[in-house]
Amino acid sequence: MYHITVRPDTYKISSKLVDQNPYTDLDDKPNQKIAQKQHKHITNHLSNNVKYVINAPSSINIPDMTFIASAGLSLPRIPEPIVILPWMKYPQRRKELPYIKDIFKDLRVKTVEFPGSAKAPFEGAAEAKWFDNGNLLVMGYGFRSTKETTVIMRKLLAEIYQSYGLSPPKVLAFPLQSFSYYHLDVAMLEIQPLTCIIHKAAIRPKDVQRLQAEAITVNLIETDDTFCLNSIVDGPNLLTHTLANPELKSYLEDLTEKTVVELDTSEFEKSGGSVRCLVFDMFDPRLIKRKQHSHSSPSSPK
């Protein structure tokens, strides 16, 4: 597996982003220079990362393109790299799709369209987590996707995996309970193939039991630090944002048995995202290890 990141050249906050998540404030807009510095710091800490620069014309409004986790869902266990593309809930995010396709084309990754709609949007890996070595997909819905989204995903995954003669992953979906956790990648952190941490306010007790029935160890956390689980386990490290208190750092290190690396993502949190939102995980059976690369996508993708 390797990572994909997109430099925040198009990143900004506009009035269209208000009410799309609970964190956007038009009176607290991000500083582009600081955002660039923070993003570079994140990419420097990632192993096997492919960095992209999007040369979009100024007339194209794609302020969330840097939140590349929403670029789709990479599929494990398949003998070639495949990504299910997103169908974003909000129109301005749908403008990202040509650039997303161009990135995967450059990487020679096969893409599959998600047959979404206004009633069934899908915002990629921000809403889905792989467990059990790719045999279980956990999805959270309610704010940027719907229950119908999960029904479509279950059917699509069955078609794709069966076309390769493989058993499809099981899909377990539950409704997110708080707008503070509007995407699953804010609510949940996977730390082992069968272990996760979840914000207690994001999930119903009966859905905790459903996860446990799949042999997943669920650790519930109660904290005002809503972005602490929007993090990445990368080798020996847990990459997270600047944590609210030292006790939280100790808790995460004890639970994950990883070294917590705190990275300032304050400029991105103004738009509702942190470390996990800024990184896309790519399963690629062609590569055991991919070196650091930088790419610029064409300015006019087709």
C-alpha atoms as a PDB file:
ATOM      1  CA  MET A   1       0.000   0.000   0.000  1.00  0.00           C
ATOM      2  CA  TYR A   2       1.080   3.565  -0.630  1.00  0.00           C
ATOM      3  CA  HIS A   3      -0.391   6.996   0.048  1.00  0.00           C
ATOM      4  CA  ILE A   4      -1.574   9.811  -2.242  1.00  0.00           C
ATOM      5  CA  THR A   5      -1.658  13.477  -1.241  1.00  0.00           C
ATOM      6  CA  VAL A   6      -2.646  16.655  -3.087  1.00  0.00           C
ATOM      7  CA  ARG A   7      -0.936  19.962  -2.320  1.00  0.00           C
ATOM      8  CA  PRO A   8      -3.496  22.520  -1.058  1.00  0.00           C
ATOM      9  CA  ASP A   9      -3.041  25.028  -3.892  1.00  0.00           C
ATOM     10  CA  THR A  10      -6.810  25.298  -4.450  1.00  0.00           C
ATOM     11  CA  TYR A  11      -7.716  25.164  -0.766  1.00  0.00           C
ATOM     12  CA  LYS A  12      -9.984  27.887   0.588  1.00  0.00           C
ATOM     13  CA  ILE A  13     -13.265  28.399   2.421  1.00  0.00           C
ATOM     14  CA  SER A  14     -16.211  29.937   0.640  1.00  0.00           C
ATOM     15  CA  SER A  15     -19.834  30.553   1.552  1.00  0.00           C
ATOM     16  CA  LYS A  16     -20.811  27.356  -0.285  1.00  0.00           C
ATOM     17  CA  LEU A  17     -19.004  25.293   2.360  1.00  0.00           C
ATOM     18  CA  VAL A  18     -21.019  26.632   5.268  1.00  0.00           C
ATOM     19  CA  ASP A  19     -23.354  24.027   6.827  1.00  0.00           C
ATOM     20  CA  GLN A  20     -21.595  21.157   5.021  1.00  0.00           C
ATOM     21  CA  ASN A  21     -19.844  20.307   8.280  1.00  0.00           C
ATOM     22  CA  PRO A  22     -19.947  21.798  11.792  1.00  0.00           C
ATOM     23  CA  TYR A  23     -16.458  23.297  11.674  1.00  0.00           C
ATOM     24  CA  THR A  24     -16.546  25.842   8.826  1.00  0.00           C
ATOM     25  CA  ASP A  25     -16.512  29.496   9.871  1.00  0.00           C
ATOM     26  CA  LEU A  26     -16.399  32.241   7.243  1.00  0.00           C
ATOM     27  CA  ASP A  27     -14.856  34.579   9.807  1.00  0.00           C
ATOM     28  CA  ASP A  28     -11.896  32.247  10.357  1.00  0.00           C
ATOM     29  CA  LYS A  29     -10.512  31.544   6.915  1.00  0.00           C
ATOM     30  CA  PRO A  30      -7.315  29.532   6.454  1.00  0.00           C
ATOM     31  CA  ASN A  31      -3.943  31.135   5.845  1.00  0.00           C
ATOM     32  CA  GLN A  32      -2.688  29.667   2.564  1.00  0.00           C
ATOM     33  CA  LYS A  33       0.997  30.025   3.453  1.00  0.00           C
ATOM     34  CA  ILE A  34       0.565  28.261   6.789  1.00  0.00           C
ATOM     35  CA  ALA A  35      -1.636  25.576   5.198  1.00  0.00           C
ATOM     36  CA  GLN A  36       1.098  24.816   2.662  1.00  0.00           C
ATOM     37  CA  LYS A  37       3.659  24.495   5.448  1.00  0.00           C
ATOM     38  CA  GLN A  38       1.405  22.228   7.505  1.00  0.00           C
ATOM     39  CA  HIS A  39       0.638  20.031   4.502  1.00  0.00           C
ATOM     40  CA  LYS A  40       4.317  19.650   3.652  1.00  0.00           C
ATOM     41  CA  HIS A  41       5.008  18.629   7.234  1.00  0.00           C
ATOM     42  CA  ILE A  42       2.389  15.885   6.952  1.00  0.00           C
ATOM     43  CA  THR A  43       3.708  14.544   3.651  1.00  0.00           C
ATOM     44  CA  ASN A  44       7.250  14.501   5.020  1.00  0.00           C
ATOM     45  CA  HIS A  45       6.091  12.109   7.761  1.00  0.00           C
ATOM     46  CA  LEU A  46       4.298   9.694   5.429  1.00  0.00           C
ATOM     47  CA  SER A  47       5.991   6.569   4.129  1.00  0.00           C
ATOM     48  CA  ASN A  48       5.518   5.641   0.458  1.00  0.00           C
ATOM     49  CA  ASN A  49       3.667   8.797  -0.540  1.00  0.00           C
ATOM     50  CA  VAL A  50       2.858  10.046  -4.030  1.00  0.00           C
ATOM     51  CA  LYS A  51       2.457  13.828  -4.036  1.00  0.00           C
ATOM     52  CA  TYR A  52       0.274  15.573  -6.594  1.00  0.00           C
ATOM     53  CA  VAL A  53      -0.038  19.203  -7.629  1.00  0.00           C
ATOM     54  CA  ILE A  54      -3.328  20.150  -9.295  1.00  0.00           C
ATOM     55  CA  ASN A  55      -2.958  22.834 -11.947  1.00  0.00           C
ATOM     56  CA  ALA A  56      -6.595  23.854 -12.086  1.00  0.00           C
ATOM     57  CA  PRO A  57      -7.565  27.128 -13.764  1.00  0.00           C
ATOM     58  CA  SER A  58      -8.737  29.851 -11.392  1.00  0.00           C
ATOM     59  CA  SER A  59     -12.251  29.548 -12.809  1.00  0.00           C
ATOM     60  CA  ILE A  60     -12.539  26.000 -11.425  1.00  0.00           C
ATOM     61  CA  ASN A  61     -13.658  26.034  -7.799  1.00  0.00           C
ATOM     62  CA  ILE A  62     -12.323  22.894  -6.083  1.00  0.00           C
ATOM     63  CA  PRO A  63     -11.510  24.122  -2.550  1.00  0.00           C
ATOM     64  CA  ASP A  64     -11.670  20.635  -0.979  1.00  0.00           C
ATOM     65  CA  MET A  65      -9.446  18.837  -3.496  1.00  0.00           C
ATOM     66  CA  THR A  66      -6.666  18.540  -0.928  1.00  0.00           C
ATOM     67  CA  PHE A  67      -8.985  16.384   1.220  1.00  0.00           C
ATOM     68  CA  ILE A  68      -8.085  13.485  -1.043  1.00  0.00           C
ATOM     69  CA  ALA A  69      -9.457  10.738   1.230  1.00  0.00           C
ATOM     70  CA  SER A  70     -12.788  11.385  -0.499  1.00  0.00           C
ATOM     71  CA  ALA A  71     -11.321  10.511  -3.913  1.00  0.00           C
ATOM     72  CA  GLY A  72     -12.781   7.020  -3.824  1.00  0.00           C
ATOM     73  CA  LEU A  73     -12.342   3.623  -2.222  1.00  0.00           C
ATOM     74  CA  SER A  74      -9.315   1.468  -3.018  1.00  0.00           C
ATOM     75  CA  LEU A  75     -10.106  -2.250  -3.063  1.00  0.00           C
ATOM     76  CA  PRO A  76      -7.814  -4.787  -1.348  1.00  0.00           C
ATOM     77  CA  ARG A  77      -7.339  -8.481  -2.228  1.00  0.00           C
ATOM     78  CA  ILE A  78      -7.759  -7.911  -5.976  1.00  0.00           C
ATOM     79  CA  PRO A  79      -4.900  -8.782  -8.398  1.00  0.00           C
ATOM     80  CA  GLU A  80      -4.862  -5.308  -9.947  1.00  0.00           C
ATOM     81  CA  PRO A  81      -5.322  -1.846  -8.417  1.00  0.00           C
ATOM     82  CA  ILE A  82      -8.969  -0.737  -8.490  1.00  0.00           C
ATOM     83  CA  VAL A  83     -10.695   2.312  -7.049  1.00  0.00           C
ATOM     84  CA  ILE A  84     -14.431   2.915  -6.804  1.00  0.00           C
ATOM     85  CA  LEU A  85     -14.880   6.590  -7.637  1.00  0.00           C
ATOM     86  CA  PRO A  86     -16.953   8.941  -5.467  1.00  0.00           C
ATOM     87  CA  TRP A  87     -20.306  10.538  -6.160  1.00  0.00           C
ATOM     88  CA  MET A  88     -20.075  13.604  -3.911  1.00  0.00           C
ATOM     89  CA  LYS A  89     -23.068  15.022  -2.097  1.00  0.00           C
ATOM     90  CA  TYR A  90     -22.289  18.678  -2.887  1.00  0.00           C
ATOM     91  CA  PRO A  91     -21.983  20.016  -6.457  1.00  0.00           C
ATOM     92  CA  GLN A  92     -18.712  21.875  -5.914  1.00  0.00           C
ATOM     93  CA  ARG A  93     -17.028  18.644  -4.827  1.00  0.00           C
ATOM     94  CA  ARG A  94     -18.247  16.865  -7.943  1.00  0.00           C
ATOM     95  CA  LYS A  95     -16.018  19.253  -9.886  1.00  0.00           C
ATOM     96  CA  GLU A  96     -13.052  17.358  -8.442  1.00  0.00           C
ATOM     97  CA  LEU A  97     -13.894  14.173 -10.342  1.00  0.00           C
ATOM     98  CA  PRO A  98     -11.960  14.932 -13.591  1.00  0.00           C
ATOM     99  CA  TYR A  99      -8.837  15.639 -11.543  1.00  0.00           C
ATOM    100  CA  ILE A 100      -9.362  12.537  -9.424  1.00  0.00           C
ATOM    101  CA  LYS A 101      -9.677  10.417 -12.561  1.00  0.00           C
ATOM    102  CA  ASP A 102      -6.535  12.001 -13.950  1.00  0.00           C
ATOM    103  CA  ILE A 103      -4.543  11.038 -10.844  1.00  0.00           C
ATOM    104  CA  PHE A 104      -5.605   7.402 -11.074  1.00  0.00           C
ATOM    105  CA  LYS A 105      -4.962   7.368 -14.806  1.00  0.00           C
ATOM    106  CA  ASP A 106      -1.429   8.621 -14.176  1.00  0.00           C
ATOM    107  CA  LEU A 107      -0.928   5.823 -11.633  1.00  0.00           C
ATOM    108  CA  ARG A 108      -2.438   3.256 -14.048  1.00  0.00           C
ATOM    109  CA  VAL A 109      -5.184   2.408 -11.579  1.00  0.00           C
ATOM    110  CA  LYS A 110      -8.475   1.005 -12.865  1.00  0.00           C
ATOM    111  CA  THR A 111     -11.524   3.000 -11.789  1.00  0.00           C
ATOM    112  CA  VAL A 112     -15.170   2.001 -11.401  1.00  0.00           C
ATOM    113  CA  GLU A 113     -18.005   4.530 -11.319  1.00  0.00           C
ATOM    114  CA  PHE A 114     -20.218   4.526  -8.248  1.00  0.00           C
ATOM    115  CA  PRO A 115     -23.853   4.654  -9.447  1.00  0.00           C
ATOM    116  CA  GLY A 116     -24.777   7.343  -6.972  1.00  0.00           C
ATOM    117  CA  SER A 117     -27.405  10.052  -6.909  1.00  0.00           C
ATOM    118  CA  ALA A 118     -28.649  12.861  -4.708  1.00  0.00           C
ATOM    119  CA  LYS A 119     -30.384  10.148  -2.665  1.00  0.00           C
ATOM    120  CA  ALA A 120     -27.276   7.979  -2.501  1.00  0.00           C
ATOM    121  CA  PRO A 121     -24.045  10.020  -2.530  1.00  0.00           C
ATOM    122  CA  PHE A 122     -20.693   8.430  -1.742  1.00  0.00           C
ATOM    123  CA  GLU A 123     -17.616  10.325  -0.564  1.00  0.00           C
ATOM    124  CA  GLY A 124     -14.984   7.628  -0.757  1.00  0.00           C
ATOM    125  CA  ALA A 125     -12.733   6.355   2.011  1.00  0.00           C
ATOM    126  CA  ALA A 126     -13.911   9.180   4.260  1.00  0.00           C
ATOM    127  CA  GLU A 127     -17.017   7.041   4.801  1.00  0.00           C
ATOM    128  CA  ALA A 128     -15.604   3.516   4.827  1.00  0.00           C
ATOM    129  CA  LYS A 129     -13.002   1.509   6.753  1.00  0.00           C
ATOM    130  CA  TRP A 130     -11.446  -1.830   5.846  1.00  0.00           C
ATOM    131  CA  PHE A 131     -11.072  -4.535   8.500  1.00  0.00           C
ATOM    132  CA  ASP A 132     -10.118  -8.206   8.624  1.00  0.00           C
ATOM    133  CA  ASN A 133      -7.534  -7.840   5.843  1.00  0.00           C
ATOM    134  CA  GLY A 134     -10.096  -6.570   3.368  1.00  0.00           C
ATOM    135  CA  ASN A 135     -12.837  -9.073   4.163  1.00  0.00           C
ATOM    136  CA  LEU A 136     -15.021  -6.579   6.024  1.00  0.00           C
ATOM    137  CA  LEU A 137     -15.965  -3.035   5.020  1.00  0.00           C
ATOM    138  CA  VAL A 138     -17.478  -0.833   7.730  1.00  0.00           C
ATOM    139  CA  MET A 139     -19.482   2.177   6.549  1.00  0.00           C
ATOM    140  CA  GLY A 140     -21.008   5.120   8.433  1.00  0.00           C
ATOM    141  CA  TYR A 141     -23.870   7.096   6.925  1.00  0.00           C
ATOM    142  CA  GLY A 142     -26.375   9.812   7.720  1.00  0.00           C
ATOM    143  CA  PHE A 143     -24.737  13.157   6.944  1.00  0.00           C
ATOM    144  CA  ARG A 144     -22.804  12.821   3.671  1.00  0.00           C
ATOM    145  CA  SER A 145     -24.285   9.507   2.537  1.00  0.00           C
ATOM    146  CA  THR A 146     -27.396   7.438   3.142  1.00  0.00           C
ATOM    147  CA  LYS A 147     -28.448   3.900   3.915  1.00  0.00           C
ATOM    148  CA  GLU A 148     -29.175   3.508   0.191  1.00  0.00           C
ATOM    149  CA  THR A 149     -25.497   4.300  -0.454  1.00  0.00           C
ATOM    150  CA  THR A 150     -24.510   1.235   1.543  1.00  0.00           C
ATOM    151  CA  VAL A 151     -27.002  -0.978  -0.285  1.00  0.00           C
ATOM    152  CA  ILE A 152     -25.524   0.085  -3.633  1.00  0.00           C
ATOM    153  CA  MET A 153     -21.977  -0.433  -2.341  1.00  0.00           C
ATOM    154  CA  ARG A 154     -22.757  -3.961  -1.163  1.00  0.00           C
ATOM    155  CA  LYS A 155     -24.074  -4.896  -4.608  1.00  0.00           C
ATOM    156  CA  LEU A 156     -21.216  -3.191  -6.468  1.00  0.00           C
ATOM    157  CA  LEU A 157     -18.537  -4.889  -4.378  1.00  0.00           C
ATOM    158  CA  ALA A 158     -20.179  -8.269  -4.966  1.00  0.00           C
ATOM    159  CA  GLU A 159     -20.076  -7.707  -8.737  1.00  0.00           C
ATOM    160  CA  ILE A 160     -16.448  -6.570  -8.737  1.00  0.00           C
ATOM    161  CA  TYR A 161     -15.006  -9.261  -6.495  1.00  0.00           C
ATOM    162  CA  GLN A 162     -16.994 -12.076  -8.080  1.00  0.00           C
ATOM    163  CA  SER A 163     -15.710 -10.987 -11.501  1.00  0.00           C
ATOM    164  CA  TYR A 164     -12.234 -11.941 -10.215  1.00  0.00           C
ATOM    165  CA  GLY A 165     -13.464 -15.189  -8.723  1.00  0.00           C
ATOM    166  CA  LEU A 166     -13.103 -13.784  -5.201  1.00  0.00           C
ATOM    167  CA  SER A 167     -15.507 -13.767  -2.297  1.00  0.00           C
ATOM    168  CA  PRO A 168     -16.835 -10.224  -1.807  1.00  0.00           C
ATOM    169  CA  PRO A 169     -16.262  -8.434   1.476  1.00  0.00           C
ATOM    170  CA  LYS A 170     -19.055  -8.257   3.976  1.00  0.00           C
ATOM    171  CA  VAL A 171     -20.451  -4.727   4.400  1.00  0.00           C
ATOM    172  CA  LEU A 172     -21.491  -3.607   7.882  1.00  0.00           C
ATOM    173  CA  ALA A 173     -23.113  -0.164   7.986  1.00  0.00           C
ATOM    174  CA  PHE A 174     -24.500   1.982  10.771  1.00  0.00           C
ATOM    175  CA  PRO A 175     -25.853   5.544  11.095  1.00  0.00           C
ATOM    176  CA  LEU A 176     -23.560   8.165  12.597  1.00  0.00           C
ATOM    177  CA  GLN A 177     -25.190   9.791  15.614  1.00  0.00           C
ATOM    178  CA  SER A 178     -23.606  13.254  15.742  1.00  0.00           C
ATOM    179  CA  PHE A 179     -22.914  15.926  13.132  1.00  0.00           C
ATOM    180  CA  SER A 180     -19.559  16.445  14.875  1.00  0.00           C
ATOM    181  CA  TYR A 181     -18.633  13.124  13.257  1.00  0.00           C
ATOM    182  CA  TYR A 182     -20.101  13.800   9.844  1.00  0.00           C
ATOM    183  CA  HIS A 183     -17.726  11.342   8.179  1.00  0.00           C
ATOM    184  CA  LEU A 184     -16.678   7.944   9.484  1.00  0.00           C
ATOM    185  CA  ASP A 185     -13.012   8.924   9.296  1.00  0.00           C
ATOM    186  CA  VAL A 186     -13.666  11.530  11.995  1.00  0.00           C
ATOM    187  CA  ALA A 187     -15.628   9.073  14.145  1.00  0.00           C
ATOM    188  CA  MET A 188     -13.449   5.960  13.890  1.00  0.00           C
ATOM    189  CA  LEU A 189      -9.768   4.995  13.761  1.00  0.00           C
ATOM    190  CA  GLU A 190      -8.768   1.494  12.681  1.00  0.00           C
ATOM    191  CA  ILE A 191      -5.552   0.455  14.447  1.00  0.00           C
ATOM    192  CA  GLN A 192      -5.335  -3.274  13.698  1.00  0.00           C
ATOM    193  CA  PRO A 193      -7.124  -5.631  11.272  1.00  0.00           C
ATOM    194  CA  LEU A 194      -9.697  -6.329  13.991  1.00  0.00           C
ATOM    195  CA  THR A 195      -9.294  -3.386  16.380  1.00  0.00           C
ATOM    196  CA  CYS A 196     -10.614   0.175  16.335  1.00  0.00           C
ATOM    197  CA  ILE A 197     -11.295   3.259  18.445  1.00  0.00           C
ATOM    198  CA  ILE A 198     -14.623   5.102  18.094  1.00  0.00           C
ATOM    199  CA  HIS A 199     -15.943   8.335  19.582  1.00  0.00           C
ATOM    200  CA  LYS A 200     -18.707   7.153  21.917  1.00  0.00           C
ATOM    201  CA  ALA A 201     -21.058   9.936  20.801  1.00  0.00           C
ATOM    202  CA  ALA A 202     -20.817   8.765  17.176  1.00  0.00           C
ATOM    203  CA  ILE A 203     -22.274   5.294  17.536  1.00  0.00           C
ATOM    204  CA  ARG A 204     -25.233   3.488  19.088  1.00  0.00           C
ATOM    205  CA  PRO A 205     -24.558   0.734  21.658  1.00  0.00           C
ATOM    206  CA  LYS A 206     -26.306  -1.812  19.434  1.00  0.00           C
ATOM    207  CA  ASP A 207     -23.913  -0.976  16.579  1.00  0.00           C
ATOM    208  CA  VAL A 208     -20.944  -1.480  18.894  1.00  0.00           C
ATOM    209  CA  GLN A 209     -22.383  -4.946  19.518  1.00  0.00           C
ATOM    210  CA  ARG A 210     -22.707  -5.553  15.772  1.00  0.00           C
ATOM    211  CA  LEU A 211     -19.026  -4.707  15.298  1.00  0.00           C
ATOM    212  CA  GLN A 212     -18.076  -6.961  18.191  1.00  0.00           C
ATOM    213  CA  ALA A 213     -20.092  -9.762  16.607  1.00  0.00           C
ATOM    214  CA  GLU A 214     -17.669  -9.519  13.678  1.00  0.00           C
ATOM    215  CA  ALA A 215     -14.780 -10.146  16.114  1.00  0.00           C
ATOM    216  CA  ILE A 216     -13.753  -6.483  16.117  1.00  0.00           C
ATOM    217  CA  THR A 217     -12.397  -5.115  19.364  1.00  0.00           C
ATOM    218  CA  VAL A 218     -14.060  -1.731  19.885  1.00  0.00           C
ATOM    219  CA  ASN A 219     -12.501   0.867  22.168  1.00  0.00           C
ATOM    220  CA  LEU A 220     -14.835   3.765  22.954  1.00  0.00           C
ATOM    221  CA  ILE A 221     -13.427   7.191  23.751  1.00  0.00           C
ATOM    222  CA  GLU A 222     -15.104  10.238  25.301  1.00  0.00           C
ATOM    223  CA  THR A 223     -13.264  13.499  24.588  1.00  0.00           C
ATOM    224  CA  ASP A 224     -13.913  17.000  23.307  1.00  0.00           C
ATOM    225  CA  ASP A 225     -11.020  16.502  20.877  1.00  0.00           C
ATOM    226  CA  THR A 226     -13.171  15.587  17.875  1.00  0.00           C
ATOM    227  CA  PHE A 227     -10.247  15.260  15.428  1.00  0.00           C
ATOM    228  CA  CYS A 228      -8.049  12.945  17.522  1.00  0.00           C
ATOM    229  CA  LEU A 229      -9.208   9.852  15.590  1.00  0.00           C
ATOM    230  CA  ASN A 230      -8.873  11.494  12.173  1.00  0.00           C
ATOM    231  CA  SER A 231      -5.446   9.915  12.150  1.00  0.00           C
ATOM    232  CA  ILE A 232      -3.261   7.368  10.359  1.00  0.00           C
ATOM    233  CA  VAL A 233      -1.357   4.345  11.573  1.00  0.00           C
ATOM    234  CA  ASP A 234       1.797   4.400   9.439  1.00  0.00           C
ATOM    235  CA  GLY A 235       4.402   1.803  10.362  1.00  0.00           C
ATOM    236  CA  PRO A 236       5.566   2.396  13.943  1.00  0.00           C
ATOM    237  CA  ASN A 237       3.817   5.770  14.148  1.00  0.00           C
ATOM    238  CA  LEU A 238       0.336   7.121  14.721  1.00  0.00           C
ATOM    239  CA  LEU A 239       0.077  10.398  12.798  1.00  0.00           C
ATOM    240  CA  THR A 240      -2.491  12.681  14.383  1.00  0.00           C
ATOM    241  CA  HIS A 241      -3.201  16.363  14.879  1.00  0.00           C
ATOM    242  CA  THR A 242      -2.057  18.488  17.803  1.00  0.00           C
ATOM    243  CA  LEU A 243      -3.855  16.784  20.671  1.00  0.00           C
ATOM    244  CA  ALA A 244      -5.874  18.554  23.313  1.00  0.00           C
ATOM    245  CA  ASN A 245      -3.997  17.138  26.296  1.00  0.00           C
ATOM    246  CA  PRO A 246      -1.051  14.885  27.250  1.00  0.00           C
ATOM    247  CA  GLU A 247      -3.351  12.251  28.755  1.00  0.00           C
ATOM    248  CA  LEU A 248      -4.928  11.692  25.347  1.00  0.00           C
ATOM    249  CA  LYS A 249      -1.499  11.151  23.811  1.00  0.00           C
ATOM    250  CA  SER A 250      -0.612   8.595  26.464  1.00  0.00           C
ATOM    251  CA  TYR A 251      -3.950   6.838  25.982  1.00  0.00           C
ATOM    252  CA  LEU A 252      -3.434   6.535  22.227  1.00  0.00           C
ATOM    253  CA  GLU A 253       0.148   5.324  22.585  1.00  0.00           C
ATOM    254  CA  ASP A 254      -0.818   2.698  25.157  1.00  0.00           C
ATOM    255  CA  LEU A 255      -3.763   1.477  23.110  1.00  0.00           C
ATOM    256  CA  THR A 256      -2.102   1.429  19.684  1.00  0.00           C
ATOM    257  CA  GLU A 257       1.442   0.559  20.806  1.00  0.00           C
ATOM    258  CA  LYS A 258       2.584   3.211  18.323  1.00  0.00           C
ATOM    259  CA  THR A 259       4.571   6.394  18.727  1.00  0.00           C
ATOM    260  CA  VAL A 260       2.160   9.324  18.493  1.00  0.00           C
ATOM    261  CA  VAL A 261       3.425  12.003  16.117  1.00  0.00           C
ATOM    262  CA  GLU A 262       1.461  15.236  16.513  1.00  0.00           C
ATOM    263  CA  LEU A 263       1.122  17.327  13.352  1.00  0.00           C
ATOM    264  CA  ASP A 264      -0.437  20.785  13.267  1.00  0.00           C
ATOM    265  CA  THR A 265      -3.498  20.699  10.984  1.00  0.00           C
ATOM    266  CA  SER A 266      -5.225  23.775  12.399  1.00  0.00           C
ATOM    267  CA  GLU A 267      -5.631  25.465   8.996  1.00  0.00           C
ATOM    268  CA  PHE A 268      -7.397  22.400   7.588  1.00  0.00           C
ATOM    269  CA  GLU A 269      -9.575  21.905  10.648  1.00  0.00           C
ATOM    270  CA  LYS A 270     -11.147  25.259   9.790  1.00  0.00           C
ATOM    271  CA  SER A 271     -12.757  23.402   6.886  1.00  0.00           C
ATOM    272  CA  GLY A 272     -13.545  20.229   8.793  1.00  0.00           C
ATOM    273  CA  GLY A 273     -10.584  17.981   8.066  1.00  0.00           C
ATOM    274  CA  SER A 274      -7.342  16.764   9.607  1.00  0.00           C
ATOM    275  CA  VAL A 275      -4.598  14.209   8.918  1.00  0.00           C
ATOM    276  CA  ARG A 276      -6.765  11.302   7.720  1.00  0.00           C
ATOM    277  CA  CYS A 277      -8.825  13.544   5.401  1.00  0.00           C
ATOM    278  CA  LEU A 278      -5.649  14.688   3.650  1.00  0.00           C
ATOM    279  CA  VAL A 279      -4.350  11.221   2.727  1.00  0.00           C
ATOM    280  CA  PHE A 280      -5.646   8.530   0.361  1.00  0.00           C
ATOM    281  CA  ASP A 281      -4.573   4.906   0.893  1.00  0.00           C
ATOM    282  CA  MET A 282      -3.933   2.945  -2.293  1.00  0.00           C
ATOM    283  CA  PHE A 283      -3.839  -0.864  -2.317  1.00  0.00           C
ATOM    284  CA  ASP A 284      -1.621  -1.868  -5.242  1.00  0.00           C
ATOM    285  CA  PRO A 285      -0.513  -5.489  -5.753  1.00  0.00           C
ATOM    286  CA  ARG A 286       2.056  -4.359  -8.361  1.00  0.00           C
ATOM    287  CA  LEU A 287       4.170  -2.653  -5.729  1.00  0.00           C
ATOM    288  CA  ILE A 288       5.580  -3.869  -2.466  1.00  0.00           C
ATOM    289  CA  LYS A 289       7.143  -0.489  -1.754  1.00  0.00           C
ATOM    290  CA  ARG A 290       6.743   2.747  -3.654  1.00  0.00           C
ATOM    291  CA  LYS A 291       9.284   5.526  -3.320  1.00  0.00           C
ATOM    292  CA  GLN A 292       8.384   9.162  -2.768  1.00  0.00           C
ATOM    293  CA  HIS A 293       7.260  10.840  -5.989  1.00  0.00           C
ATOM    294  CA  SER A 294       5.879  14.210  -7.018  1.00  0.00           C
ATOM    295  CA  HIS A 295       3.477  14.674  -9.925  1.00  0.00           C
ATOM    296  CA  SER A 296       1.640  17.518 -11.576  1.00  0.00           C
ATOM    297  CA  SER A 297      -1.666  16.646 -13.162  1.00  0.00           C
ATOM    298  CA  PRO A 298      -2.619  18.255 -16.481  1.00  0.00           C
ATOM    299  CA  SER A 299      -4.514  21.511 -16.139  1.00  0.00           C
ATOM    300  CA  SER A 300      -7.381  20.310 -18.329  1.00  0.00           C
ATOM    301  CA  PRO A 301      -8.195  16.674 -17.554  1.00  0.00           C
ATOM    302  CA  LYS A 302     -10.628  14.977 -19.872  1.00  0.00           C
END
